[in-house]
Amino acid sequence: MAGSPAETFTLSLEVAGRRTEGQVSLPSDPVPATTMLPVALAIADAVVRLTGESLAQAGTPITCSPGCAACCRKLVPISAIEARRLRALVDALPAPRRAAVEARFVAAGERLRSAGLLARLDQDGLSGEEVVSLSGAYFDLWLDCPLLEEERCAVYAERPAACREYLVVSPPPSCFPDSPDADVERVRLPRSVANALASLEPTGWVPLVRALARADRLAAEPPPRSGGAWLQAVLDGSE
């Protein structure tokens, strides 16, 4: 935050036998968790990059590419912090575009209601096990993420950590349900920033498809902490 006291930290990450290091300036005064979200997502990107480099060297490169959005029809669990951020991003859009995005979220909710999934997805304290149990029925709907526009993410630069961390090394056609060879080989990252962000408060997972509706009734953010304390919590929670 401009004009606020700051501390400089050296951030070192070792992932898949590769190492990266850099300096980051963080607020020394207590700040809300959402203030630290860009830093957390940058850590997720670094983990993905290092893992991708290691896989490429081993001859099994990540095969995800622009325009391949099968994963944008999966049930994507995000943290309460990210749900609040997505609500703020949509609120900041010009009125016509905001209305269009909000309408897609509402339509997705109605589709889930018709399929009998809405009440289960909207429950408080949604666990990872419950997300897994609902994932198959959700994917069978082939429901576009409300943020998907022409097969690309409308908020790609600020997409949630779970979206960044979903990677495969199998052929892209395998990700589609009508593929004759639907054998998806997902990359298991050594760190998960998505898990770290979800662990920062007891809300449980929020389905991305319900982010706008749920953000309006989530509990207040957890108490502010210094930037260094948030950074350490993200690093510890991602392991």
Protein backbone atom coordinates (compact mmCIF):
# COMPACT_ATOMS: atom_id res chain seq x y z
CA MET A 1 0.00 0.00 0.00
CA ALA A 2 1.40 3.37 -1.03
CA GLY A 3 2.92 5.34 1.81
CA SER A 4 2.66 2.48 4.32
CA PRO A 5 5.71 1.11 6.15
CA ALA A 6 7.16 -1.91 4.39
CA GLU A 7 9.70 -4.66 4.94
CA THR A 8 11.73 -6.44 2.27
CA PHE A 9 11.80 -10.23 2.37
CA THR A 10 13.90 -12.68 0.39
CA LEU A 11 11.63 -15.40 -0.93
CA SER A 12 13.32 -18.65 -1.88
CA LEU A 13 11.44 -21.59 -3.38
CA GLU A 14 12.78 -25.02 -4.27
CA VAL A 15 10.39 -27.08 -6.37
CA ALA A 16 11.01 -30.29 -8.29
CA GLY A 17 14.76 -29.90 -7.90
CA ARG A 18 14.71 -26.33 -9.22
CA ARG A 19 15.16 -23.15 -7.26
CA THR A 20 14.09 -19.54 -7.62
CA GLU A 21 14.78 -16.58 -5.37
CA GLY A 22 13.65 -12.99 -5.29
CA GLN A 23 12.83 -10.08 -3.05
CA VAL A 24 9.37 -8.86 -2.19
CA SER A 25 8.36 -5.73 -0.31
CA LEU A 26 5.43 -6.31 2.04
CA PRO A 27 3.48 -4.08 4.45
CA SER A 28 4.81 -4.15 7.99
CA ASP A 29 1.49 -2.91 9.37
CA PRO A 30 -1.47 -5.31 9.66
CA VAL A 31 -3.38 -5.61 6.37
CA PRO A 32 -6.37 -7.68 5.15
CA ALA A 33 -5.68 -11.04 3.54
CA THR A 34 -6.92 -9.81 0.15
CA THR A 35 -4.04 -7.31 0.10
CA MET A 36 -1.66 -10.27 -0.04
CA LEU A 37 -3.55 -12.22 -2.71
CA PRO A 38 -1.31 -11.03 -5.61
CA VAL A 39 1.76 -12.26 -3.73
CA ALA A 40 0.15 -15.64 -3.02
CA LEU A 41 -0.81 -16.05 -6.68
CA ALA A 42 2.71 -15.12 -7.76
CA ILE A 43 3.98 -17.95 -5.55
CA ALA A 44 1.53 -20.33 -7.25
CA ASP A 45 2.83 -19.20 -10.64
CA ALA A 46 6.41 -19.80 -9.54
CA VAL A 47 5.58 -23.32 -8.36
CA VAL A 48 3.86 -24.05 -11.68
CA ARG A 49 6.76 -22.63 -13.70
CA LEU A 50 9.43 -24.61 -11.85
CA THR A 51 7.38 -27.79 -12.03
CA GLY A 52 6.77 -27.24 -15.73
CA GLU A 53 10.48 -26.77 -16.41
CA SER A 54 11.28 -29.99 -14.58
CA LEU A 55 8.60 -31.95 -16.44
CA ALA A 56 9.73 -30.59 -19.80
CA GLN A 57 13.30 -31.62 -19.09
CA ALA A 58 12.07 -35.10 -18.20
CA GLY A 59 10.24 -35.35 -21.54
CA THR A 60 6.68 -35.05 -20.19
CA PRO A 61 5.79 -31.36 -20.76
CA ILE A 62 2.61 -29.72 -19.55
CA THR A 63 0.17 -29.82 -22.45
CA CYS A 64 -2.29 -27.10 -21.36
CA SER A 65 -2.53 -24.28 -23.89
CA PRO A 66 -4.67 -21.20 -24.65
CA GLY A 67 -8.11 -22.07 -25.97
CA CYS A 68 -8.23 -25.49 -24.31
CA ALA A 69 -10.84 -24.80 -21.64
CA ALA A 70 -12.18 -28.22 -20.71
CA CYS A 71 -11.04 -27.60 -17.13
CA CYS A 72 -13.26 -24.49 -17.09
CA ARG A 73 -16.22 -26.89 -16.95
CA LYS A 74 -14.93 -28.64 -13.84
CA LEU A 75 -16.02 -27.93 -10.29
CA VAL A 76 -13.37 -25.42 -9.19
CA PRO A 77 -12.99 -24.94 -5.41
CA ILE A 78 -11.67 -21.55 -4.33
CA SER A 79 -11.01 -19.89 -0.98
CA ALA A 80 -13.30 -17.35 0.66
CA ILE A 81 -10.58 -14.74 0.11
CA GLU A 82 -10.67 -15.39 -3.64
CA ALA A 83 -14.49 -15.37 -3.70
CA ARG A 84 -14.49 -11.89 -2.16
CA ARG A 85 -11.89 -10.77 -4.70
CA LEU A 86 -13.91 -12.10 -7.63
CA ARG A 87 -16.96 -10.25 -6.31
CA ALA A 88 -14.92 -7.03 -6.21
CA LEU A 89 -13.56 -7.64 -9.74
CA VAL A 90 -17.04 -8.10 -11.17
CA ASP A 91 -18.37 -5.08 -9.26
CA ALA A 92 -15.63 -2.96 -10.86
CA LEU A 93 -16.58 -3.87 -14.44
CA PRO A 94 -18.41 -1.33 -16.63
CA ALA A 95 -22.16 -1.67 -16.06
CA PRO A 96 -23.10 -3.54 -19.29
CA ARG A 97 -20.30 -6.08 -18.93
CA ARG A 98 -20.96 -6.50 -15.20
CA ALA A 99 -24.60 -7.25 -15.94
CA ALA A 100 -23.62 -9.85 -18.54
CA VAL A 101 -21.21 -11.62 -16.17
CA GLU A 102 -23.69 -11.56 -13.30
CA ALA A 103 -26.37 -12.97 -15.59
CA ARG A 104 -24.10 -15.91 -16.47
CA PHE A 105 -23.57 -16.64 -12.77
CA VAL A 106 -27.33 -16.56 -12.17
CA ALA A 107 -27.99 -18.83 -15.15
CA ALA A 108 -25.37 -21.29 -13.92
CA GLY A 109 -27.04 -21.32 -10.52
CA GLU A 110 -30.40 -22.13 -12.09
CA ARG A 111 -28.83 -24.96 -14.08
CA LEU A 112 -27.36 -26.37 -10.87
CA ARG A 113 -30.72 -26.04 -9.12
CA SER A 114 -32.40 -28.02 -11.91
CA ALA A 115 -29.73 -30.72 -11.61
CA GLY A 116 -30.25 -30.97 -7.84
CA LEU A 117 -26.71 -29.80 -7.02
CA LEU A 118 -27.24 -26.23 -5.86
CA ALA A 119 -28.08 -26.85 -2.21
CA ARG A 120 -25.10 -29.16 -1.77
CA LEU A 121 -22.72 -26.70 -3.41
CA ASP A 122 -24.04 -23.79 -1.35
CA GLN A 123 -23.55 -25.44 2.03
CA ASP A 124 -21.22 -23.75 4.48
CA GLY A 125 -17.98 -25.52 5.30
CA LEU A 126 -17.73 -27.45 2.03
CA SER A 127 -14.90 -29.94 2.49
CA GLY A 128 -12.40 -31.25 -0.01
CA GLU A 129 -14.02 -34.68 0.18
CA GLU A 130 -17.41 -33.20 -0.66
CA VAL A 131 -15.92 -31.33 -3.61
CA VAL A 132 -14.54 -34.61 -4.94
CA SER A 133 -17.87 -36.39 -4.43
CA LEU A 134 -19.72 -33.70 -6.41
CA SER A 135 -17.15 -33.30 -9.18
CA GLY A 136 -18.38 -36.09 -11.46
CA ALA A 137 -22.02 -34.96 -11.53
CA TYR A 138 -20.91 -31.37 -12.01
CA PHE A 139 -18.62 -32.20 -14.95
CA ASP A 140 -21.40 -34.21 -16.57
CA LEU A 141 -23.37 -30.95 -16.90
CA TRP A 142 -20.58 -29.47 -19.07
CA LEU A 143 -21.38 -26.12 -17.49
CA ASP A 144 -19.26 -23.19 -18.66
CA CYS A 145 -17.54 -21.21 -15.93
CA PRO A 146 -19.41 -17.86 -15.86
CA LEU A 147 -16.05 -16.14 -16.37
CA LEU A 148 -15.39 -18.02 -19.60
CA GLU A 149 -15.68 -15.88 -22.74
CA GLU A 150 -14.88 -17.37 -26.17
CA GLU A 151 -12.99 -20.22 -24.49
CA ARG A 152 -10.77 -17.82 -22.53
CA CYS A 153 -10.91 -16.62 -18.94
CA ALA A 154 -12.24 -13.07 -18.60
CA VAL A 155 -10.10 -12.50 -15.47
CA TYR A 156 -7.10 -14.60 -16.49
CA ALA A 157 -4.50 -12.39 -14.77
CA GLU A 158 -6.41 -12.72 -11.48
CA ARG A 159 -7.77 -16.24 -11.87
CA PRO A 160 -7.87 -18.27 -8.64
CA ALA A 161 -5.01 -20.46 -7.48
CA ALA A 162 -6.90 -23.69 -8.22
CA CYS A 163 -7.19 -22.66 -11.88
CA ARG A 164 -3.45 -21.99 -12.06
CA GLU A 165 -2.63 -25.30 -10.41
CA TYR A 166 -4.78 -27.55 -12.61
CA LEU A 167 -2.32 -28.89 -15.19
CA VAL A 168 -2.05 -32.04 -17.28
CA VAL A 169 0.63 -33.83 -19.29
CA SER A 170 -1.82 -35.95 -21.30
CA PRO A 171 -3.00 -34.94 -24.80
CA PRO A 172 -5.49 -32.04 -24.61
CA PRO A 173 -8.33 -34.00 -26.31
CA SER A 174 -8.27 -36.42 -23.37
CA CYS A 175 -9.72 -33.69 -21.15
CA PHE A 176 -13.03 -33.70 -23.04
CA PRO A 177 -15.80 -36.11 -22.01
CA ASP A 178 -16.46 -37.32 -25.58
CA SER A 179 -12.83 -38.30 -26.12
CA PRO A 180 -12.29 -41.98 -26.98
CA ASP A 181 -9.18 -41.79 -24.79
CA ALA A 182 -10.37 -39.84 -21.74
CA ASP A 183 -7.37 -40.75 -19.62
CA VAL A 184 -6.25 -37.49 -18.04
CA GLU A 185 -2.80 -37.38 -16.43
CA ARG A 186 -2.93 -34.54 -13.96
CA VAL A 187 0.22 -32.92 -12.58
CA ARG A 188 0.59 -33.24 -8.81
CA LEU A 189 2.31 -30.10 -7.62
CA PRO A 190 4.62 -30.28 -4.60
CA ARG A 191 2.96 -27.16 -3.15
CA SER A 192 -0.62 -25.94 -3.33
CA VAL A 193 -1.31 -22.24 -2.80
CA ALA A 194 -5.02 -23.00 -3.29
CA ASN A 195 -4.92 -25.16 -0.16
CA ALA A 196 -2.94 -22.51 1.69
CA LEU A 197 -5.47 -19.78 0.92
CA ALA A 198 -8.37 -21.99 1.97
CA SER A 199 -6.66 -22.74 5.28
CA LEU A 200 -6.50 -19.06 6.27
CA GLU A 201 -10.09 -19.09 7.52
CA PRO A 202 -12.60 -21.80 8.55
CA THR A 203 -15.15 -21.14 5.79
CA GLY A 204 -14.30 -24.21 3.73
CA TRP A 205 -14.25 -24.29 -0.05
CA VAL A 206 -16.44 -22.02 -2.17
CA PRO A 207 -17.31 -23.31 -5.66
CA LEU A 208 -16.12 -20.71 -8.18
CA VAL A 209 -19.46 -20.99 -9.98
CA ARG A 210 -21.12 -19.72 -6.76
CA ALA A 211 -18.49 -17.12 -5.87
CA LEU A 212 -20.68 -14.04 -6.36
CA ALA A 213 -23.66 -15.39 -4.43
CA ARG A 214 -21.52 -16.77 -1.61
CA ALA A 215 -19.29 -13.70 -1.31
CA ASP A 216 -22.33 -11.64 -0.35
CA ARG A 217 -22.92 -13.79 2.73
CA LEU A 218 -19.45 -14.88 3.79
CA ALA A 219 -18.20 -13.95 7.23
CA ALA A 220 -15.89 -10.97 7.51
CA GLU A 221 -12.26 -11.46 6.54
CA PRO A 222 -9.92 -12.86 9.19
CA PRO A 223 -8.12 -10.31 11.38
CA PRO A 224 -5.39 -8.34 9.59
CA ARG A 225 -1.76 -9.42 9.91
CA SER A 226 1.51 -7.97 8.73
CA GLY A 227 2.59 -8.83 5.21
CA GLY A 228 5.37 -11.05 6.54
CA ALA A 229 2.93 -13.01 8.71
CA TRP A 230 0.58 -13.57 5.76
CA LEU A 231 3.49 -14.68 3.58
CA GLN A 232 4.62 -17.22 6.15
CA ALA A 233 1.07 -18.54 6.52
CA VAL A 234 0.80 -19.05 2.75
CA LEU A 235 4.17 -20.79 2.56
CA ASP A 236 3.40 -23.04 5.53
CA GLY A 237 -0.10 -23.86 4.29
CA SER A 238 1.05 -24.73 0.78
CA GLU A 239 3.34 -27.56 1.84
